[in-house]
C-alpha atoms as a PDB file:
ATOM      1  CA  MET A   1      76.597  78.227  36.196  1.00  0.00           C
ATOM      2  CA  MET A   2      78.119  81.702  36.296  1.00  0.00           C
ATOM      3  CA  ARG A   3      77.687  83.900  33.212  1.00  0.00           C
ATOM      4  CA  ARG A   4      80.777  84.479  31.041  1.00  0.00           C
ATOM      5  CA  ILE A   5      81.434  87.938  29.637  1.00  0.00           C
ATOM      6  CA  GLY A   6      84.501  88.826  27.620  1.00  0.00           C
ATOM      7  CA  VAL A   7      86.141  92.219  27.482  1.00  0.00           C
ATOM      8  CA  ILE A   8      88.312  92.747  24.429  1.00  0.00           C
ATOM      9  CA  GLY A   9      90.345  95.790  23.538  1.00  0.00           C
ATOM     10  CA  ALA A  10      93.661  97.483  23.067  1.00  0.00           C
ATOM     11  CA  GLY A  11      96.797  96.026  24.636  1.00  0.00           C
ATOM     12  CA  LEU A  12      97.909  99.603  25.277  1.00  0.00           C
ATOM     13  CA  CYS A  13      95.433 102.314  26.173  1.00  0.00           C
ATOM     14  CA  ASP A  14      95.164 105.835  27.512  1.00  0.00           C
ATOM     15  CA  PRO A  15      94.060 106.520  31.112  1.00  0.00           C
ATOM     16  CA  ASP A  16      90.488 107.451  30.099  1.00  0.00           C
ATOM     17  CA  THR A  17      90.000 104.164  28.238  1.00  0.00           C
ATOM     18  CA  ALA A  18      91.534 102.245  31.152  1.00  0.00           C
ATOM     19  CA  LYS A  19      89.089 103.928  33.537  1.00  0.00           C
ATOM     20  CA  ILE A  20      86.148 102.853  31.353  1.00  0.00           C
ATOM     21  CA  ALA A  21      87.458  99.272  31.110  1.00  0.00           C
ATOM     22  CA  GLU A  22      88.023  99.116  34.867  1.00  0.00           C
ATOM     23  CA  LYS A  23      84.464 100.251  35.504  1.00  0.00           C
ATOM     24  CA  VAL A  24      83.102  97.667  33.060  1.00  0.00           C
ATOM     25  CA  GLY A  25      85.127  94.917  34.751  1.00  0.00           C
ATOM     26  CA  GLY A  26      83.898  95.948  38.183  1.00  0.00           C
ATOM     27  CA  MET A  27      80.285  95.923  37.041  1.00  0.00           C
ATOM     28  CA  ILE A  28      80.673  92.494  35.434  1.00  0.00           C
ATOM     29  CA  ALA A  29      81.917  91.105  38.749  1.00  0.00           C
ATOM     30  CA  GLY A  30      79.297  93.063  40.657  1.00  0.00           C
ATOM     31  CA  ARG A  31      76.614  91.177  38.759  1.00  0.00           C
ATOM     32  CA  GLY A  32      78.218  87.829  39.524  1.00  0.00           C
ATOM     33  CA  ALA A  33      79.620  87.060  36.072  1.00  0.00           C
ATOM     34  CA  ILE A  34      83.090  85.799  35.182  1.00  0.00           C
ATOM     35  CA  LEU A  35      85.295  88.239  33.278  1.00  0.00           C
ATOM     36  CA  TYR A  36      87.232  86.729  30.388  1.00  0.00           C
ATOM     37  CA  CYS A  37      89.949  88.649  28.557  1.00  0.00           C
ATOM     38  CA  GLY A  38      93.255  88.153  26.781  1.00  0.00           C
ATOM     39  CA  GLY A  39      95.090  88.386  30.091  1.00  0.00           C
ATOM     40  CA  LEU A  40      97.680  90.974  29.107  1.00  0.00           C
ATOM     41  CA  GLY A  41      97.857  94.791  29.451  1.00  0.00           C
ATOM     42  CA  GLY A  42      95.821  97.812  28.453  1.00  0.00           C
ATOM     43  CA  VAL A  43      92.058  97.288  28.322  1.00  0.00           C
ATOM     44  CA  MET A  44      92.510  93.658  29.383  1.00  0.00           C
ATOM     45  CA  GLU A  45      94.411  94.577  32.531  1.00  0.00           C
ATOM     46  CA  ALA A  46      92.099  97.467  33.425  1.00  0.00           C
ATOM     47  CA  ALA A  47      88.965  95.328  33.060  1.00  0.00           C
ATOM     48  CA  ALA A  48      90.568  92.517  35.069  1.00  0.00           C
ATOM     49  CA  LYS A  49      91.580  95.007  37.757  1.00  0.00           C
ATOM     50  CA  GLY A  50      87.999  96.244  38.074  1.00  0.00           C
ATOM     51  CA  ALA A  51      86.628  92.712  38.342  1.00  0.00           C
ATOM     52  CA  PHE A  52      89.388  91.550  40.695  1.00  0.00           C
ATOM     53  CA  GLU A  53      88.916  94.487  43.057  1.00  0.00           C
ATOM     54  CA  ALA A  54      85.168  93.843  43.071  1.00  0.00           C
ATOM     55  CA  GLY A  55      85.837  90.258  44.209  1.00  0.00           C
ATOM     56  CA  GLY A  56      85.091  88.674  40.855  1.00  0.00           C
ATOM     57  CA  VAL A  57      86.579  85.790  38.938  1.00  0.00           C
ATOM     58  CA  THR A  58      88.991  86.767  36.162  1.00  0.00           C
ATOM     59  CA  VAL A  59      90.157  84.456  33.380  1.00  0.00           C
ATOM     60  CA  GLY A  60      92.974  85.340  30.997  1.00  0.00           C
ATOM     61  CA  ILE A  61      93.314  83.436  27.727  1.00  0.00           C
ATOM     62  CA  LEU A  62      97.024  83.977  27.152  1.00  0.00           C
ATOM     63  CA  PRO A  63      98.807  83.945  23.795  1.00  0.00           C
ATOM     64  CA  GLY A  64     102.114  82.692  25.217  1.00  0.00           C
ATOM     65  CA  SER A  65     103.500  79.669  26.986  1.00  0.00           C
ATOM     66  CA  LYS A  66     103.795  80.978  30.550  1.00  0.00           C
ATOM     67  CA  ALA A  67     101.126  81.719  33.138  1.00  0.00           C
ATOM     68  CA  ALA A  68     103.459  84.400  34.529  1.00  0.00           C
ATOM     69  CA  GLU A  69     102.740  86.485  31.403  1.00  0.00           C
ATOM     70  CA  ALA A  70      99.253  87.236  32.743  1.00  0.00           C
ATOM     71  CA  ASN A  71      98.600  90.579  34.354  1.00  0.00           C
ATOM     72  CA  ARG A  72      98.442  90.552  38.147  1.00  0.00           C
ATOM     73  CA  TYR A  73      94.633  90.656  38.239  1.00  0.00           C
ATOM     74  CA  ILE A  74      94.097  87.358  36.437  1.00  0.00           C
ATOM     75  CA  LYS A  75      92.982  84.641  38.857  1.00  0.00           C
ATOM     76  CA  ILE A  76      92.789  81.863  36.259  1.00  0.00           C
ATOM     77  CA  PRO A  77      95.420  82.000  33.503  1.00  0.00           C
ATOM     78  CA  ILE A  78      94.797  79.766  30.502  1.00  0.00           C
ATOM     79  CA  VAL A  79      98.114  79.167  28.728  1.00  0.00           C
ATOM     80  CA  THR A  80      97.651  78.477  25.018  1.00  0.00           C
ATOM     81  CA  ASP A  81     101.036  79.074  23.320  1.00  0.00           C
ATOM     82  CA  MET A  82      98.898  79.926  20.263  1.00  0.00           C
ATOM     83  CA  GLY A  83      99.589  83.622  19.687  1.00  0.00           C
ATOM     84  CA  TYR A  84      96.652  85.399  18.103  1.00  0.00           C
ATOM     85  CA  ALA A  85      94.940  82.075  17.427  1.00  0.00           C
ATOM     86  CA  ARG A  86      94.013  82.187  21.121  1.00  0.00           C
ATOM     87  CA  ASN A  87      91.359  84.734  20.118  1.00  0.00           C
ATOM     88  CA  VAL A  88      89.185  81.855  18.938  1.00  0.00           C
ATOM     89  CA  ILE A  89      89.324  80.266  22.400  1.00  0.00           C
ATOM     90  CA  LEU A  90      88.530  83.579  24.076  1.00  0.00           C
ATOM     91  CA  VAL A  91      85.535  84.310  21.861  1.00  0.00           C
ATOM     92  CA  LYS A  92      84.221  80.733  22.007  1.00  0.00           C
ATOM     93  CA  SER A  93      84.433  80.753  25.841  1.00  0.00           C
ATOM     94  CA  CYS A  94      82.240  83.847  26.238  1.00  0.00           C
ATOM     95  CA  GLU A  95      78.501  84.307  26.002  1.00  0.00           C
ATOM     96  CA  VAL A  96      78.771  88.040  25.212  1.00  0.00           C
ATOM     97  CA  LEU A  97      81.744  90.249  24.378  1.00  0.00           C
ATOM     98  CA  ILE A  98      82.292  93.919  25.120  1.00  0.00           C
ATOM     99  CA  ALA A  99      84.794  95.598  22.801  1.00  0.00           C
ATOM    100  CA  ILE A 100      86.451  98.694  24.253  1.00  0.00           C
ATOM    101  CA  SER A 101      88.767 100.656  21.985  1.00  0.00           C
ATOM    102  CA  GLY A 102      91.227  98.330  20.256  1.00  0.00           C
ATOM    103  CA  SER A 103      93.281  97.783  17.168  1.00  0.00           C
ATOM    104  CA  TYR A 104      93.552  94.900  14.707  1.00  0.00           C
ATOM    105  CA  GLY A 105      93.502  92.173  17.371  1.00  0.00           C
ATOM    106  CA  THR A 106      90.215  93.559  18.660  1.00  0.00           C
ATOM    107  CA  LEU A 107      88.926  93.778  15.092  1.00  0.00           C
ATOM    108  CA  ALA A 108      89.742  90.091  14.643  1.00  0.00           C
ATOM    109  CA  GLU A 109      87.940  89.198  17.877  1.00  0.00           C
ATOM    110  CA  ILE A 110      84.870  91.209  16.869  1.00  0.00           C
ATOM    111  CA  SER A 111      84.824  89.440  13.509  1.00  0.00           C
ATOM    112  CA  LEU A 112      85.199  86.009  15.106  1.00  0.00           C
ATOM    113  CA  ALA A 113      82.411  86.768  17.558  1.00  0.00           C
ATOM    114  CA  LEU A 114      80.049  87.863  14.811  1.00  0.00           C
ATOM    115  CA  LYS A 115      80.943  84.786  12.746  1.00  0.00           C
ATOM    116  CA  MET A 116      80.160  82.584  15.779  1.00  0.00           C
ATOM    117  CA  TRP A 117      76.859  84.417  16.389  1.00  0.00           C
ATOM    118  CA  LYS A 118      78.076  85.811  19.712  1.00  0.00           C
ATOM    119  CA  PRO A 119      76.576  89.141  20.803  1.00  0.00           C
ATOM    120  CA  VAL A 120      79.042  92.036  20.704  1.00  0.00           C
ATOM    121  CA  VAL A 121      78.719  95.371  22.491  1.00  0.00           C
ATOM    122  CA  GLY A 122      80.936  98.140  21.127  1.00  0.00           C
ATOM    123  CA  LEU A 123      82.234 101.047  23.209  1.00  0.00           C
ATOM    124  CA  LYS A 124      84.731 103.458  21.613  1.00  0.00           C
ATOM    125  CA  THR A 125      85.791 100.714  19.211  1.00  0.00           C
ATOM    126  CA  TRP A 126      85.656  99.863  15.504  1.00  0.00           C
ATOM    127  CA  GLU A 127      82.549 101.473  14.029  1.00  0.00           C
ATOM    128  CA  ASN A 128      79.865 100.637  11.497  1.00  0.00           C
ATOM    129  CA  PHE A 129      79.816  96.874  11.848  1.00  0.00           C
ATOM    130  CA  LYS A 130      76.463  95.252  11.272  1.00  0.00           C
ATOM    131  CA  GLY A 131      75.685  93.127  14.316  1.00  0.00           C
ATOM    132  CA  VAL A 132      77.675  95.175  16.843  1.00  0.00           C
ATOM    133  CA  ASN A 133      75.511  96.919  19.432  1.00  0.00           C
ATOM    134  CA  TYR A 134      77.148 100.301  19.960  1.00  0.00           C
ATOM    135  CA  VAL A 135      76.854 102.173  23.245  1.00  0.00           C
ATOM    136  CA  THR A 136      78.332 105.387  24.596  1.00  0.00           C
ATOM    137  CA  ASN A 137      79.384 104.550  28.174  1.00  0.00           C
ATOM    138  CA  ALA A 138      80.218 101.755  30.613  1.00  0.00           C
ATOM    139  CA  ASP A 139      76.758 101.641  32.195  1.00  0.00           C
ATOM    140  CA  GLU A 140      75.089 101.176  28.809  1.00  0.00           C
ATOM    141  CA  ALA A 141      77.661  98.514  27.874  1.00  0.00           C
ATOM    142  CA  ILE A 142      76.839  96.443  30.949  1.00  0.00           C
ATOM    143  CA  GLU A 143      73.081  96.859  30.570  1.00  0.00           C
ATOM    144  CA  LYS A 144      73.260  95.817  26.910  1.00  0.00           C
ATOM    145  CA  ALA A 145      75.606  92.890  27.569  1.00  0.00           C
ATOM    146  CA  PHE A 146      73.435  91.389  30.305  1.00  0.00           C
ATOM    147  CA  GLU A 147      70.301  92.003  28.250  1.00  0.00           C
ATOM    148  CA  MET A 148      71.859  90.044  25.370  1.00  0.00           C
ATOM    149  CA  LEU A 149      72.898  86.977  27.374  1.00  0.00           C
ATOM    150  CA  PRO A 150      71.365  83.837  25.883  1.00  0.00           C
END
């Protein structure tokens, strides 16, 4: 079975953050894992783009009711029509999550992951959370995420 790594983060992000997320996505695919994300824009789209362009499998857990809402790099859209409640499905589906940047939605996903005992790697995201493994760059994020797989 392929490994399942989630990338969570801001729905809107600056070009530097997008570049980091794209690199993370590409490295996830390069190691043969499936990239899971929320399927929309920002960090989610950049990570999916990296994985897609590296030939990987991308899954988007969508908040709305239409598969067409997914960004163009999502190969497998999961339509939930659940809004933010879809975060539970995203977190539960992953073995490890990498949080890049983010706002309150990312904070909620980090909290859910910690509550479900899922490993979380933090890169330029919410700080000072017990249980989050903070790193400073994309390479460290990937190394830590794969090291923490169950």
